[in-house]
Amino acid sequence: MKDRIYFSREEMFIMNRDLLLERGVTINDIAEVAYRQQGKYNPNISMRTCVESVEKILSYRDIFHIVQLSIEIDRLCEEGKLRSPIQEIIRADLGMFGIDEIFGLNIASMYGVIGQTNFGDIDVNKPGIVKELNDHGKGDNEMCHTFLDDVVGALAAAASTRVAQITSEETAKKDPHFEPIRFDI
């Protein structure tokens, strides 16, 4: 029998969650970064909304592929299974490499320019788990987090932006001139 290549959203979420856990990253870790970022602009957000946003994002097919591929590249690098010079470039998390940031930008772009801006902020300031992964994946450590720190930061940026969109939608519906429309699609 052939290995499966198609999965439901629930399966993709579980596989992403479990693979992140194997690398020491929890959904709460990611949601905490989103909460801290979005809390600067909206003190009324809840951690629960941030957790729900991370969970939803982890169930998307494109995100599934990026998370799975990113962690696999880091793992292969840890095992020394990439060819030179890419093995050494990824292992050193060379600043001029940039492919890891492209993966992050791809995730963040699901939420437009604001998502990308949020990712840039997280990538530069490295809050919470992002800093831990970045620091732990450098030097003589056996772990490689060249892709993982950017992917986790991008997941947090996307969740932060999603929370902002939810808040904006709730605010719009409170307007006395709001009239819901029915989409018959």
Foldseek 3Di string as FASTA:
>chain_A
DDDDDDDALVVQLVVLQVLCVVVVDHLLQLLVLLCVVLCVPPVPDDSVLLSVLLSNLSSDPLLSVLSVVLSVVQVCLLVVNDDPPVSVCQLQLPPVPCPLLVSLCVLQCVLPPQSNVQLVVCVVVVPGPLVVLVVQSHDPHSGGCSNVSSSSSSSSSNSNSVSVVVVVVVVLVVPPPDDDDDDPD
